[in-house]
């Protein structure tokens, strides 16, 4: 699927649309993505900062989607685990960027070539408009080459 069509579709996906999460950039080669969360009355918590669930949701699918796009139908790629560390209160527009390096893809291909599972952690910072870290997220992917491929 073309990256621009995928980006528009994801921005209309109800969980993202209603949470105020917006995929602002997805490169044509699915190697770079930028997502932002704008402060809205419906995504604030009790003390007036970004709801933690929205902060985590804004980073949730991207590593899996980007890796899956590159490894293709020959591999299983699933989210296995995730964690978030809240560093400071998030207000206003916050964003996270994803960059998938060639070396990471090559390492995943090599490690999964024999059919065994591969677990790999990916990390992201969520930053505010001033570039200060609001939260740090980690996602663990499960990658395995499909039998007979």
Protein backbone atom coordinates (compact mmCIF):
# COMPACT_ATOMS: atom_id res chain seq x y z
CA UNK A 1 0.00 0.00 0.00
CA UNK A 2 1.26 3.47 -0.81
CA UNK A 3 2.52 5.26 2.29
CA UNK A 4 0.34 8.33 1.68
CA UNK A 5 -2.83 6.21 1.49
CA UNK A 6 -1.83 4.27 4.59
CA UNK A 7 -1.13 7.53 6.47
CA UNK A 8 -4.56 8.94 5.60
CA UNK A 9 -6.27 5.69 6.56
CA UNK A 10 -4.51 5.53 9.92
CA UNK A 11 -5.42 9.16 10.63
CA UNK A 12 -9.09 8.28 10.07
CA UNK A 13 -8.91 5.14 12.22
CA UNK A 14 -11.35 5.87 15.09
CA UNK A 15 -8.99 5.14 18.02
CA UNK A 16 -6.46 7.62 16.63
CA UNK A 17 -8.95 10.14 15.30
CA UNK A 18 -10.83 10.34 18.60
CA UNK A 19 -7.66 10.42 20.71
CA UNK A 20 -6.20 13.35 18.75
CA UNK A 21 -3.28 11.27 17.43
CA UNK A 22 -2.08 12.25 13.96
CA UNK A 23 0.50 10.57 11.73
CA UNK A 24 2.10 13.66 10.20
CA UNK A 25 4.75 11.90 8.11
CA UNK A 26 5.36 8.43 6.71
CA UNK A 27 8.14 8.17 4.17
CA UNK A 28 7.40 6.42 0.88
CA UNK A 29 9.77 3.61 1.89
CA UNK A 30 8.18 3.15 5.37
CA UNK A 31 11.55 3.89 7.00
CA UNK A 32 10.61 7.14 8.75
CA UNK A 33 7.47 8.17 10.57
CA UNK A 34 6.45 11.09 12.77
CA UNK A 35 3.33 11.11 14.90
CA UNK A 36 1.95 13.86 17.08
CA UNK A 37 -0.66 14.28 19.76
CA UNK A 38 -2.40 17.60 20.20
CA UNK A 39 -3.94 18.57 23.52
CA UNK A 40 -7.72 18.40 23.39
CA UNK A 41 -10.33 18.55 26.18
CA UNK A 42 -11.11 14.84 25.62
CA UNK A 43 -7.50 13.62 25.89
CA UNK A 44 -6.50 15.44 29.06
CA UNK A 45 -6.26 13.71 32.38
CA UNK A 46 -7.63 14.97 35.69
CA UNK A 47 -4.70 17.37 36.25
CA UNK A 48 -4.80 18.89 32.75
CA UNK A 49 -1.90 17.09 31.09
CA UNK A 50 -1.85 14.49 28.32
CA UNK A 51 -3.58 11.23 29.24
CA UNK A 52 -0.90 8.55 29.59
CA UNK A 53 -2.84 6.04 27.53
CA UNK A 54 -2.87 8.45 24.59
CA UNK A 55 0.87 9.03 24.94
CA UNK A 56 1.52 5.30 24.77
CA UNK A 57 -1.04 4.73 21.99
CA UNK A 58 0.64 7.29 19.76
CA UNK A 59 3.74 5.08 19.58
CA UNK A 60 2.03 1.70 19.68
CA UNK A 61 1.83 0.31 16.13
CA UNK A 62 4.67 1.96 14.25
CA UNK A 63 7.66 -0.32 14.86
CA UNK A 64 5.56 -3.38 14.07
CA UNK A 65 4.05 -1.84 10.93
CA UNK A 66 7.37 -0.57 9.61
CA UNK A 67 9.21 -3.85 10.22
CA UNK A 68 6.32 -5.91 8.82
CA UNK A 69 6.28 -3.78 5.67
CA UNK A 70 9.95 -4.56 5.04
CA UNK A 71 10.09 -8.21 6.07
CA UNK A 72 6.86 -8.94 4.22
CA UNK A 73 4.69 -12.02 4.10
CA UNK A 74 7.62 -14.34 4.76
CA UNK A 75 7.67 -13.33 8.44
CA UNK A 76 5.42 -13.11 11.45
CA UNK A 77 5.84 -9.73 13.15
CA UNK A 78 3.91 -9.06 16.35
CA UNK A 79 4.11 -6.71 19.28
CA UNK A 80 5.15 -8.77 22.29
CA UNK A 81 5.63 -6.23 25.06
CA UNK A 82 5.60 -2.52 25.71
CA UNK A 83 6.46 -0.09 28.46
CA UNK A 84 6.36 3.62 29.08
CA UNK A 85 8.24 5.86 31.48
CA UNK A 86 6.66 9.23 32.19
CA UNK A 87 9.43 11.83 32.51
CA UNK A 88 7.51 15.11 32.86
CA UNK A 89 3.94 16.32 32.36
CA UNK A 90 3.03 16.59 28.70
CA UNK A 91 1.14 19.65 27.49
CA UNK A 92 0.45 21.13 24.08
CA UNK A 93 1.67 19.26 21.01
CA UNK A 94 3.94 16.28 21.63
CA UNK A 95 5.56 14.10 18.98
CA UNK A 96 7.54 10.92 18.44
CA UNK A 97 9.76 10.01 15.49
CA UNK A 98 10.64 6.57 14.19
CA UNK A 99 13.62 5.70 11.99
CA UNK A 100 14.12 2.12 10.83
CA UNK A 101 17.75 1.49 9.92
CA UNK A 102 19.01 -0.97 7.29
CA UNK A 103 21.24 -2.63 9.87
CA UNK A 104 18.25 -3.45 12.09
CA UNK A 105 16.33 -5.03 9.21
CA UNK A 106 19.37 -7.04 8.15
CA UNK A 107 19.93 -8.24 11.72
CA UNK A 108 16.28 -9.33 11.99
CA UNK A 109 16.45 -11.17 8.66
CA UNK A 110 19.68 -12.92 9.63
CA UNK A 111 18.52 -13.85 13.14
CA UNK A 112 15.19 -15.25 11.90
CA UNK A 113 16.56 -17.08 8.85
CA UNK A 114 16.61 -20.43 10.66
CA UNK A 115 12.94 -20.19 11.65
CA UNK A 116 13.47 -19.39 15.32
CA UNK A 117 11.85 -16.47 17.10
CA UNK A 118 13.66 -13.19 17.50
CA UNK A 119 12.80 -10.66 20.20
CA UNK A 120 14.03 -7.10 19.75
CA UNK A 121 13.35 -3.92 21.69
CA UNK A 122 12.77 -0.57 19.97
CA UNK A 123 12.84 2.73 21.87
CA UNK A 124 11.29 6.15 21.37
CA UNK A 125 11.20 9.46 23.12
CA UNK A 126 8.03 11.51 23.11
CA UNK A 127 9.01 15.18 23.12
CA UNK A 128 7.18 18.46 23.56
CA UNK A 129 7.38 21.52 21.29
CA UNK A 130 10.58 22.61 23.05
CA UNK A 131 12.25 19.25 22.41
CA UNK A 132 12.09 18.18 26.06
CA UNK A 133 11.37 14.53 26.76
CA UNK A 134 7.88 13.95 28.12
CA UNK A 135 7.98 10.14 28.07
CA UNK A 136 10.11 7.24 26.89
CA UNK A 137 8.54 4.17 25.32
CA UNK A 138 9.89 0.73 24.54
CA UNK A 139 8.25 -1.86 22.32
CA UNK A 140 9.39 -5.44 21.97
CA UNK A 141 8.73 -7.14 18.65
CA UNK A 142 8.45 -10.86 18.04
CA UNK A 143 9.83 -11.75 14.60
CA UNK A 144 9.87 -15.22 13.08
CA UNK A 145 10.28 -16.51 9.56
CA UNK A 146 7.18 -18.43 8.46
CA UNK A 147 7.69 -22.16 7.97
CA UNK A 148 8.43 -23.16 4.40
CA UNK A 149 9.36 -19.65 3.27
